[in-house]
Amino acid sequence: QAEGGHVTTAHAAKCQGLTPTHLLQQVLPMEKLGLLR
């Protein structure tokens, strides 16, 4: 939301303090719930 609704996965991983793999593990359930794409 703060970044205008759209960020690269690399930026999101860095901001969250996660590796890309760990970010994907977080994102997949959120995508299934329709919270993000």
PDB file of all heavy atoms in Angstrom:
ATOM      1  N   GLN A   1       0.835  -1.205   0.000  1.00  0.00           N
ATOM      2  CA  GLN A   1       0.000   0.000   0.000  1.00  0.00           C
ATOM      3  C   GLN A   1       0.871   1.257   0.000  1.00  0.00           C
ATOM      4  O   GLN A   1       0.630   2.192  -0.760  1.00  0.00           O
ATOM      5  CB  GLN A   1      -0.930  -0.002   1.215  1.00  0.00           C
ATOM      6  CG  GLN A   1      -1.888   1.149   1.271  1.00  0.00           C
ATOM      7  CD  GLN A   1      -3.064   0.935   0.341  1.00  0.00           C
ATOM      8  OE1 GLN A   1      -3.275  -0.153  -0.180  1.00  0.00           O
ATOM      9  NE2 GLN A   1      -3.834   1.970   0.127  1.00  0.00           N
ATOM     10  N   ALA A   2       1.887   1.259   0.841  1.00  0.00           N
ATOM     11  CA  ALA A   2       2.757   2.430   0.962  1.00  0.00           C
ATOM     12  C   ALA A   2       3.549   2.698  -0.319  1.00  0.00           C
ATOM     13  O   ALA A   2       3.881   3.845  -0.616  1.00  0.00           O
ATOM     14  CB  ALA A   2       3.721   2.248   2.135  1.00  0.00           C
ATOM     15  N   GLU A   3       3.828   1.653  -1.067  1.00  0.00           N
ATOM     16  CA  GLU A   3       4.612   1.779  -2.298  1.00  0.00           C
ATOM     17  C   GLU A   3       3.722   1.954  -3.527  1.00  0.00           C
ATOM     18  O   GLU A   3       4.153   1.723  -4.647  1.00  0.00           O
ATOM     19  CB  GLU A   3       5.509   0.547  -2.473  1.00  0.00           C
ATOM     20  CG  GLU A   3       6.541   0.373  -1.385  1.00  0.00           C
ATOM     21  CD  GLU A   3       7.752   1.269  -1.570  1.00  0.00           C
ATOM     22  OE1 GLU A   3       8.014   1.706  -2.703  1.00  0.00           O
ATOM     23  OE2 GLU A   3       8.436   1.527  -0.565  1.00  0.00           O
ATOM     24  N   GLY A   4       2.474   2.320  -3.325  1.00  0.00           N
ATOM     25  CA  GLY A   4       1.581   2.548  -4.446  1.00  0.00           C
ATOM     26  C   GLY A   4       0.851   1.309  -4.925  1.00  0.00           C
ATOM     27  O   GLY A   4       0.244   1.323  -5.990  1.00  0.00           O
ATOM     28  N   GLY A   5       0.924   0.237  -4.150  1.00  0.00           N
ATOM     29  CA  GLY A   5       0.176  -0.980  -4.460  1.00  0.00           C
ATOM     30  C   GLY A   5       0.914  -2.005  -5.283  1.00  0.00           C
ATOM     31  O   GLY A   5       0.392  -3.091  -5.540  1.00  0.00           O
ATOM     32  N   HIS A   6       2.168  -1.706  -5.684  1.00  0.00           N
ATOM     33  CA  HIS A   6       2.857  -2.560  -6.651  1.00  0.00           C
ATOM     34  C   HIS A   6       4.361  -2.480  -6.400  1.00  0.00           C
ATOM     35  O   HIS A   6       4.929  -1.385  -6.484  1.00  0.00           O
ATOM     36  CB  HIS A   6       2.495  -2.023  -8.043  1.00  0.00           C
ATOM     37  CG  HIS A   6       2.920  -2.844  -9.189  1.00  0.00           C
ATOM     38  ND1 HIS A   6       2.305  -4.004  -9.545  1.00  0.00           N
ATOM     39  CD2 HIS A   6       3.897  -2.634 -10.110  1.00  0.00           C
ATOM     40  CE1 HIS A   6       2.871  -4.490 -10.635  1.00  0.00           C
ATOM     41  NE2 HIS A   6       3.842  -3.663 -10.991  1.00  0.00           N
ATOM     42  N   VAL A   7       5.012  -3.592  -6.067  1.00  0.00           N
ATOM     43  CA  VAL A   7       6.468  -3.610  -5.847  1.00  0.00           C
ATOM     44  C   VAL A   7       7.067  -4.871  -6.448  1.00  0.00           C
ATOM     45  O   VAL A   7       6.377  -5.877  -6.635  1.00  0.00           O
ATOM     46  CB  VAL A   7       6.849  -3.537  -4.351  1.00  0.00           C
ATOM     47  CG1 VAL A   7       6.357  -2.267  -3.700  1.00  0.00           C
ATOM     48  CG2 VAL A   7       6.375  -4.753  -3.590  1.00  0.00           C
ATOM     49  N   THR A   8       8.362  -4.816  -6.700  1.00  0.00           N
ATOM     50  CA  THR A   8       9.044  -6.024  -7.163  1.00  0.00           C
ATOM     51  C   THR A   8       9.156  -6.996  -5.997  1.00  0.00           C
ATOM     52  O   THR A   8       9.205  -6.577  -4.828  1.00  0.00           O
ATOM     53  CB  THR A   8      10.458  -5.729  -7.698  1.00  0.00           C
ATOM     54  OG1 THR A   8      11.271  -5.250  -6.621  1.00  0.00           O
ATOM     55  CG2 THR A   8      10.431  -4.727  -8.843  1.00  0.00           C
ATOM     56  N   THR A   9       9.216  -8.266  -6.317  1.00  0.00           N
ATOM     57  CA  THR A   9       9.366  -9.259  -5.249  1.00  0.00           C
ATOM     58  C   THR A   9      10.716  -9.091  -4.553  1.00  0.00           C
ATOM     59  O   THR A   9      10.810  -9.297  -3.341  1.00  0.00           O
ATOM     60  CB  THR A   9       9.208 -10.691  -5.780  1.00  0.00           C
ATOM     61  OG1 THR A   9      10.136 -10.909  -6.840  1.00  0.00           O
ATOM     62  CG2 THR A   9       7.798 -10.950  -6.257  1.00  0.00           C
ATOM     63  N   ALA A  10      11.743  -8.679  -5.289  1.00  0.00           N
ATOM     64  CA  ALA A  10      13.060  -8.470  -4.675  1.00  0.00           C
ATOM     65  C   ALA A  10      12.991  -7.355  -3.634  1.00  0.00           C
ATOM     66  O   ALA A  10      13.539  -7.491  -2.527  1.00  0.00           O
ATOM     67  CB  ALA A  10      14.097  -8.148  -5.746  1.00  0.00           C
ATOM     68  N   HIS A  11      12.310  -6.274  -3.959  1.00  0.00           N
ATOM     69  CA  HIS A  11      12.161  -5.158  -3.014  1.00  0.00           C
ATOM     70  C   HIS A  11      11.349  -5.599  -1.800  1.00  0.00           C
ATOM     71  O   HIS A  11      11.701  -5.279  -0.661  1.00  0.00           O
ATOM     72  CB  HIS A  11      11.504  -3.972  -3.714  1.00  0.00           C
ATOM     73  CG  HIS A  11      11.296  -2.792  -2.832  1.00  0.00           C
ATOM     74  ND1 HIS A  11      12.334  -2.031  -2.333  1.00  0.00           N
ATOM     75  CD2 HIS A  11      10.157  -2.228  -2.336  1.00  0.00           C
ATOM     76  CE1 HIS A  11      11.850  -1.059  -1.586  1.00  0.00           C
ATOM     77  NE2 HIS A  11      10.532  -1.161  -1.572  1.00  0.00           N
ATOM     78  N   ALA A  12      10.261  -6.323  -2.043  1.00  0.00           N
ATOM     79  CA  ALA A  12       9.429  -6.793  -0.930  1.00  0.00           C
ATOM     80  C   ALA A  12      10.219  -7.713  -0.010  1.00  0.00           C
ATOM     81  O   ALA A  12      10.143  -7.586   1.216  1.00  0.00           O
ATOM     82  CB  ALA A  12       8.190  -7.507  -1.464  1.00  0.00           C
ATOM     83  N   ALA A  13      10.993  -8.624  -0.584  1.00  0.00           N
ATOM     84  CA  ALA A  13      11.791  -9.548   0.232  1.00  0.00           C
ATOM     85  C   ALA A  13      12.793  -8.776   1.084  1.00  0.00           C
ATOM     86  O   ALA A  13      12.933  -9.040   2.286  1.00  0.00           O
ATOM     87  CB  ALA A  13      12.503 -10.565  -0.660  1.00  0.00           C
ATOM     88  N   LYS A  14      13.471  -7.816   0.476  1.00  0.00           N
ATOM     89  CA  LYS A  14      14.457  -7.021   1.213  1.00  0.00           C
ATOM     90  C   LYS A  14      13.802  -6.244   2.348  1.00  0.00           C
ATOM     91  O   LYS A  14      14.293  -6.238   3.473  1.00  0.00           O
ATOM     92  CB  LYS A  14      15.172  -6.070   0.259  1.00  0.00           C
ATOM     93  CG  LYS A  14      16.244  -5.244   0.919  1.00  0.00           C
ATOM     94  CD  LYS A  14      16.949  -4.347  -0.073  1.00  0.00           C
ATOM     95  CE  LYS A  14      18.007  -3.520   0.640  1.00  0.00           C
ATOM     96  NZ  LYS A  14      18.678  -2.607  -0.282  1.00  0.00           N
ATOM     97  N   CYS A  15      12.670  -5.593   2.063  1.00  0.00           N
ATOM     98  CA  CYS A  15      11.974  -4.809   3.089  1.00  0.00           C
ATOM     99  C   CYS A  15      11.440  -5.676   4.221  1.00  0.00           C
ATOM    100  O   CYS A  15      11.384  -5.225   5.368  1.00  0.00           O
ATOM    101  CB  CYS A  15      10.834  -4.020   2.456  1.00  0.00           C
ATOM    102  SG  CYS A  15      11.388  -2.658   1.423  1.00  0.00           S
ATOM    103  N   GLN A  16      11.052  -6.903   3.911  1.00  0.00           N
ATOM    104  CA  GLN A  16      10.512  -7.801   4.925  1.00  0.00           C
ATOM    105  C   GLN A  16      11.620  -8.550   5.666  1.00  0.00           C
ATOM    106  O   GLN A  16      11.349  -9.270   6.614  1.00  0.00           O
ATOM    107  CB  GLN A  16       9.563  -8.822   4.281  1.00  0.00           C
ATOM    108  CG  GLN A  16       8.286  -8.226   3.709  1.00  0.00           C
ATOM    109  CD  GLN A  16       7.338  -7.742   4.774  1.00  0.00           C
ATOM    110  OE1 GLN A  16       7.343  -6.564   5.125  1.00  0.00           O
ATOM    111  NE2 GLN A  16       6.519  -8.617   5.289  1.00  0.00           N
ATOM    112  N   GLY A  17      12.861  -8.423   5.191  1.00  0.00           N
ATOM    113  CA  GLY A  17      13.973  -9.137   5.812  1.00  0.00           C
ATOM    114  C   GLY A  17      13.929 -10.621   5.516  1.00  0.00           C
ATOM    115  O   GLY A  17      14.288 -11.440   6.367  1.00  0.00           O
ATOM    116  N   LEU A  18      13.475 -10.977   4.307  1.00  0.00           N
ATOM    117  CA  LEU A  18      13.301 -12.375   3.927  1.00  0.00           C
ATOM    118  C   LEU A  18      14.095 -12.707   2.681  1.00  0.00           C
ATOM    119  O   LEU A  18      14.372 -11.820   1.858  1.00  0.00           O
ATOM    120  CB  LEU A  18      11.817 -12.665   3.639  1.00  0.00           C
ATOM    121  CG  LEU A  18      10.826 -12.462   4.773  1.00  0.00           C
ATOM    122  CD1 LEU A  18       9.400 -12.597   4.250  1.00  0.00           C
ATOM    123  CD2 LEU A  18      11.098 -13.457   5.878  1.00  0.00           C
ATOM    124  N   THR A  19      14.401 -13.969   2.519  1.00  0.00           N
ATOM    125  CA  THR A  19      14.942 -14.442   1.254  1.00  0.00           C
ATOM    126  C   THR A  19      13.776 -14.540   0.275  1.00  0.00           C
ATOM    127  O   THR A  19      12.612 -14.615   0.701  1.00  0.00           O
ATOM    128  CB  THR A  19      15.586 -15.827   1.395  1.00  0.00           C
ATOM    129  OG1 THR A  19      14.562 -16.778   1.738  1.00  0.00           O
ATOM    130  CG2 THR A  19      16.693 -15.836   2.451  1.00  0.00           C
ATOM    131  N   PRO A  20      14.039 -14.545  -1.032  1.00  0.00           N
ATOM    132  CA  PRO A  20      12.940 -14.714  -1.988  1.00  0.00           C
ATOM    133  C   PRO A  20      12.128 -15.987  -1.744  1.00  0.00           C
ATOM    134  O   PRO A  20      10.901 -15.972  -1.887  1.00  0.00           O
ATOM    135  CB  PRO A  20      13.657 -14.756  -3.341  1.00  0.00           C
ATOM    136  CG  PRO A  20      14.887 -13.924  -3.120  1.00  0.00           C
ATOM    137  CD  PRO A  20      15.306 -14.245  -1.703  1.00  0.00           C
ATOM    138  N   THR A  21      12.768 -17.060  -1.344  1.00  0.00           N
ATOM    139  CA  THR A  21      12.058 -18.310  -1.063  1.00  0.00           C
ATOM    140  C   THR A  21      11.107 -18.150   0.115  1.00  0.00           C
ATOM    141  O   THR A  21       9.958 -18.587   0.059  1.00  0.00           O
ATOM    142  CB  THR A  21      13.056 -19.453  -0.782  1.00  0.00           C
ATOM    143  OG1 THR A  21      13.888 -19.625  -1.933  1.00  0.00           O
ATOM    144  CG2 THR A  21      12.339 -20.750  -0.462  1.00  0.00           C
ATOM    145  N   HIS A  22      11.574 -17.512   1.178  1.00  0.00           N
ATOM    146  CA  HIS A  22      10.712 -17.303   2.342  1.00  0.00           C
ATOM    147  C   HIS A  22       9.574 -16.334   2.027  1.00  0.00           C
ATOM    148  O   HIS A  22       8.460 -16.498   2.528  1.00  0.00           O
ATOM    149  CB  HIS A  22      11.527 -16.819   3.542  1.00  0.00           C
ATOM    150  CG  HIS A  22      12.317 -17.906   4.182  1.00  0.00           C
ATOM    151  ND1 HIS A  22      13.665 -18.013   4.027  1.00  0.00           N
ATOM    152  CD2 HIS A  22      11.931 -18.951   4.936  1.00  0.00           C
ATOM    153  CE1 HIS A  22      14.090 -19.081   4.680  1.00  0.00           C
ATOM    154  NE2 HIS A  22      13.057 -19.676   5.242  1.00  0.00           N
ATOM    155  N   LEU A  23       9.844 -15.334   1.201  1.00  0.00           N
ATOM    156  CA  LEU A  23       8.776 -14.427   0.791  1.00  0.00           C
ATOM    157  C   LEU A  23       7.714 -15.198   0.018  1.00  0.00           C
ATOM    158  O   LEU A  23       6.515 -15.017   0.261  1.00  0.00           O
ATOM    159  CB  LEU A  23       9.314 -13.276  -0.064  1.00  0.00           C
ATOM    160  CG  LEU A  23       8.237 -12.316  -0.576  1.00  0.00           C
ATOM    161  CD1 LEU A  23       7.638 -11.516   0.570  1.00  0.00           C
ATOM    162  CD2 LEU A  23       8.792 -11.397  -1.644  1.00  0.00           C
ATOM    163  N   LEU A  24       8.128 -16.066  -0.878  1.00  0.00           N
ATOM    164  CA  LEU A  24       7.174 -16.864  -1.652  1.00  0.00           C
ATOM    165  C   LEU A  24       6.308 -17.719  -0.729  1.00  0.00           C
ATOM    166  O   LEU A  24       5.098 -17.835  -0.935  1.00  0.00           O
ATOM    167  CB  LEU A  24       7.895 -17.733  -2.676  1.00  0.00           C
ATOM    168  CG  LEU A  24       7.009 -18.578  -3.573  1.00  0.00           C
ATOM    169  CD1 LEU A  24       6.089 -17.707  -4.418  1.00  0.00           C
ATOM    170  CD2 LEU A  24       7.862 -19.481  -4.458  1.00  0.00           C
ATOM    171  N   GLN A  25       6.906 -18.293   0.316  1.00  0.00           N
ATOM    172  CA  GLN A  25       6.133 -19.089   1.273  1.00  0.00           C
ATOM    173  C   GLN A  25       5.083 -18.238   1.976  1.00  0.00           C
ATOM    174  O   GLN A  25       4.015 -18.717   2.315  1.00  0.00           O
ATOM    175  CB  GLN A  25       7.064 -19.738   2.308  1.00  0.00           C
ATOM    176  CG  GLN A  25       7.917 -20.836   1.726  1.00  0.00           C
ATOM    177  CD  GLN A  25       8.950 -21.348   2.712  1.00  0.00           C
ATOM    178  OE1 GLN A  25       9.281 -20.694   3.708  1.00  0.00           O
ATOM    179  NE2 GLN A  25       9.479 -22.525   2.435  1.00  0.00           N
ATOM    180  N   GLN A  26       5.375 -16.977   2.192  1.00  0.00           N
ATOM    181  CA  GLN A  26       4.403 -16.067   2.799  1.00  0.00           C
ATOM    182  C   GLN A  26       3.348 -15.655   1.782  1.00  0.00           C
ATOM    183  O   GLN A  26       2.162 -15.575   2.095  1.00  0.00           O
ATOM    184  CB  GLN A  26       5.105 -14.828   3.351  1.00  0.00           C
ATOM    185  CG  GLN A  26       4.138 -13.816   3.950  1.00  0.00           C
ATOM    186  CD  GLN A  26       4.833 -12.540   4.414  1.00  0.00           C
ATOM    187  OE1 GLN A  26       6.047 -12.374   4.285  1.00  0.00           O
ATOM    188  NE2 GLN A  26       4.049 -11.630   4.960  1.00  0.00           N
ATOM    189  N   VAL A  27       3.764 -15.394   0.553  1.00  0.00           N
ATOM    190  CA  VAL A  27       2.885 -14.843  -0.476  1.00  0.00           C
ATOM    191  C   VAL A  27       1.858 -15.857  -0.977  1.00  0.00           C
ATOM    192  O   VAL A  27       0.703 -15.490  -1.236  1.00  0.00           O
ATOM    193  CB  VAL A  27       3.733 -14.284  -1.639  1.00  0.00           C
ATOM    194  CG1 VAL A  27       2.902 -14.064  -2.891  1.00  0.00           C
ATOM    195  CG2 VAL A  27       4.423 -13.000  -1.209  1.00  0.00           C
ATOM    196  N   LEU A  28       2.231 -17.112  -1.139  1.00  0.00           N
ATOM    197  CA  LEU A  28       1.321 -18.097  -1.736  1.00  0.00           C
ATOM    198  C   LEU A  28      -0.032 -18.184  -1.026  1.00  0.00           C
ATOM    199  O   LEU A  28      -1.072 -18.111  -1.683  1.00  0.00           O
ATOM    200  CB  LEU A  28       1.993 -19.468  -1.837  1.00  0.00           C
ATOM    201  CG  LEU A  28       3.084 -19.572  -2.899  1.00  0.00           C
ATOM    202  CD1 LEU A  28       3.772 -20.939  -2.819  1.00  0.00           C
ATOM    203  CD2 LEU A  28       2.546 -19.317  -4.289  1.00  0.00           C
ATOM    204  N   PRO A  29      -0.070 -18.331   0.300  1.00  0.00           N
ATOM    205  CA  PRO A  29      -1.387 -18.358   0.961  1.00  0.00           C
ATOM    206  C   PRO A  29      -2.148 -17.044   0.829  1.00  0.00           C
ATOM    207  O   PRO A  29      -3.368 -17.031   0.684  1.00  0.00           O
ATOM    208  CB  PRO A  29      -1.067 -18.641   2.433  1.00  0.00           C
ATOM    209  CG  PRO A  29       0.325 -19.142   2.465  1.00  0.00           C
ATOM    210  CD  PRO A  29       1.009 -18.612   1.247  1.00  0.00           C
ATOM    211  N   MET A  30      -1.425 -15.926   0.838  1.00  0.00           N
ATOM    212  CA  MET A  30      -2.078 -14.626   0.696  1.00  0.00           C
ATOM    213  C   MET A  30      -2.667 -14.470  -0.704  1.00  0.00           C
ATOM    214  O   MET A  30      -3.737 -13.896  -0.873  1.00  0.00           O
ATOM    215  CB  MET A  30      -1.077 -13.500   0.979  1.00  0.00           C
ATOM    216  CG  MET A  30      -0.576 -13.483   2.413  1.00  0.00           C
ATOM    217  SD  MET A  30       0.688 -12.220   2.687  1.00  0.00           S
ATOM    218  CE  MET A  30      -0.343 -10.754   2.662  1.00  0.00           C
ATOM    219  N   GLU A  31      -1.991 -15.020  -1.680  1.00  0.00           N
ATOM    220  CA  GLU A  31      -2.503 -14.990  -3.055  1.00  0.00           C
ATOM    221  C   GLU A  31      -3.760 -15.853  -3.166  1.00  0.00           C
ATOM    222  O   GLU A  31      -4.745 -15.442  -3.784  1.00  0.00           O
ATOM    223  CB  GLU A  31      -1.422 -15.484  -4.010  1.00  0.00           C
ATOM    224  CG  GLU A  31      -1.818 -15.399  -5.465  1.00  0.00           C
ATOM    225  CD  GLU A  31      -0.723 -15.882  -6.394  1.00  0.00           C
ATOM    226  OE1 GLU A  31       0.011 -16.831  -6.039  1.00  0.00           O
ATOM    227  OE2 GLU A  31      -0.612 -15.310  -7.483  1.00  0.00           O
ATOM    228  N   LYS A  32      -3.740 -17.018  -2.532  1.00  0.00           N
ATOM    229  CA  LYS A  32      -4.919 -17.902  -2.562  1.00  0.00           C
ATOM    230  C   LYS A  32      -6.117 -17.250  -1.886  1.00  0.00           C
ATOM    231  O   LYS A  32      -7.264 -17.483  -2.280  1.00  0.00           O
ATOM    232  CB  LYS A  32      -4.600 -19.242  -1.908  1.00  0.00           C
ATOM    233  CG  LYS A  32      -3.721 -20.114  -2.756  1.00  0.00           C
ATOM    234  CD  LYS A  32      -3.443 -21.438  -2.095  1.00  0.00           C
ATOM    235  CE  LYS A  32      -2.511 -22.270  -2.962  1.00  0.00           C
ATOM    236  NZ  LYS A  32      -2.189 -23.556  -2.354  1.00  0.00           N
ATOM    237  N   LEU A  33      -5.870 -16.435  -0.873  1.00  0.00           N
ATOM    238  CA  LEU A  33      -6.949 -15.718  -0.187  1.00  0.00           C
ATOM    239  C   LEU A  33      -7.411 -14.490  -0.964  1.00  0.00           C
ATOM    240  O   LEU A  33      -8.371 -13.828  -0.583  1.00  0.00           O
ATOM    241  CB  LEU A  33      -6.499 -15.291   1.217  1.00  0.00           C
ATOM    242  CG  LEU A  33      -6.289 -16.404   2.227  1.00  0.00           C
ATOM    243  CD1 LEU A  33      -5.633 -15.854   3.485  1.00  0.00           C
ATOM    244  CD2 LEU A  33      -7.612 -17.082   2.543  1.00  0.00           C
ATOM    245  N   GLY A  34      -6.715 -14.156  -2.037  1.00  0.00           N
ATOM    246  CA  GLY A  34      -7.091 -13.011  -2.855  1.00  0.00           C
ATOM    247  C   GLY A  34      -6.630 -11.671  -2.302  1.00  0.00           C
ATOM    248  O   GLY A  34      -7.171 -10.632  -2.669  1.00  0.00           O
ATOM    249  N   LEU A  35      -5.627 -11.689  -1.414  1.00  0.00           N
ATOM    250  CA  LEU A  35      -5.150 -10.448  -0.807  1.00  0.00           C
ATOM    251  C   LEU A  35      -4.150  -9.717  -1.693  1.00  0.00           C
ATOM    252  O   LEU A  35      -3.998  -8.509  -1.595  1.00  0.00           O
ATOM    253  CB  LEU A  35      -4.525 -10.730   0.555  1.00  0.00           C
ATOM    254  CG  LEU A  35      -5.442 -11.409   1.580  1.00  0.00           C
ATOM    255  CD1 LEU A  35      -4.669 -11.742   2.841  1.00  0.00           C
ATOM    256  CD2 LEU A  35      -6.644 -10.531   1.874  1.00  0.00           C
ATOM    257  N   LEU A  36      -3.459 -10.469  -2.546  1.00  0.00           N
ATOM    258  CA  LEU A  36      -2.483  -9.888  -3.454  1.00  0.00           C
ATOM    259  C   LEU A  36      -2.362 -10.758  -4.691  1.00  0.00           C
ATOM    260  O   LEU A  36      -2.884 -11.867  -4.733  1.00  0.00           O
ATOM    261  CB  LEU A  36      -1.122  -9.681  -2.769  1.00  0.00           C
ATOM    262  CG  LEU A  36      -0.453 -10.868  -2.068  1.00  0.00           C
ATOM    263  CD1 LEU A  36       0.207 -11.812  -3.051  1.00  0.00           C
ATOM    264  CD2 LEU A  36       0.570 -10.365  -1.085  1.00  0.00           C
ATOM    265  N   ARG A  37      -1.681 -10.221  -5.688  1.00  0.00           N
ATOM    266  CA  ARG A  37      -1.451 -10.956  -6.935  1.00  0.00           C
ATOM    267  C   ARG A  37       0.032 -10.928  -7.260  1.00  0.00           C
ATOM    268  O   ARG A  37       0.715  -9.932  -6.997  1.00  0.00           O
ATOM    269  CB  ARG A  37      -2.218 -10.319  -8.097  1.00  0.00           C
ATOM    270  CG  ARG A  37      -3.704 -10.453  -8.009  1.00  0.00           C
ATOM    271  CD  ARG A  37      -4.416  -9.865  -9.220  1.00  0.00           C
ATOM    272  NE  ARG A  37      -4.094  -8.470  -9.495  1.00  0.00           N
ATOM    273  CZ  ARG A  37      -4.632  -7.433  -8.874  1.00  0.00           C
ATOM    274  NH1 ARG A  37      -5.533  -7.635  -7.930  1.00  0.00           N
ATOM    275  NH2 ARG A  37      -4.300  -6.204  -9.187  1.00  0.00           N
TER     276      ARG A  37
END
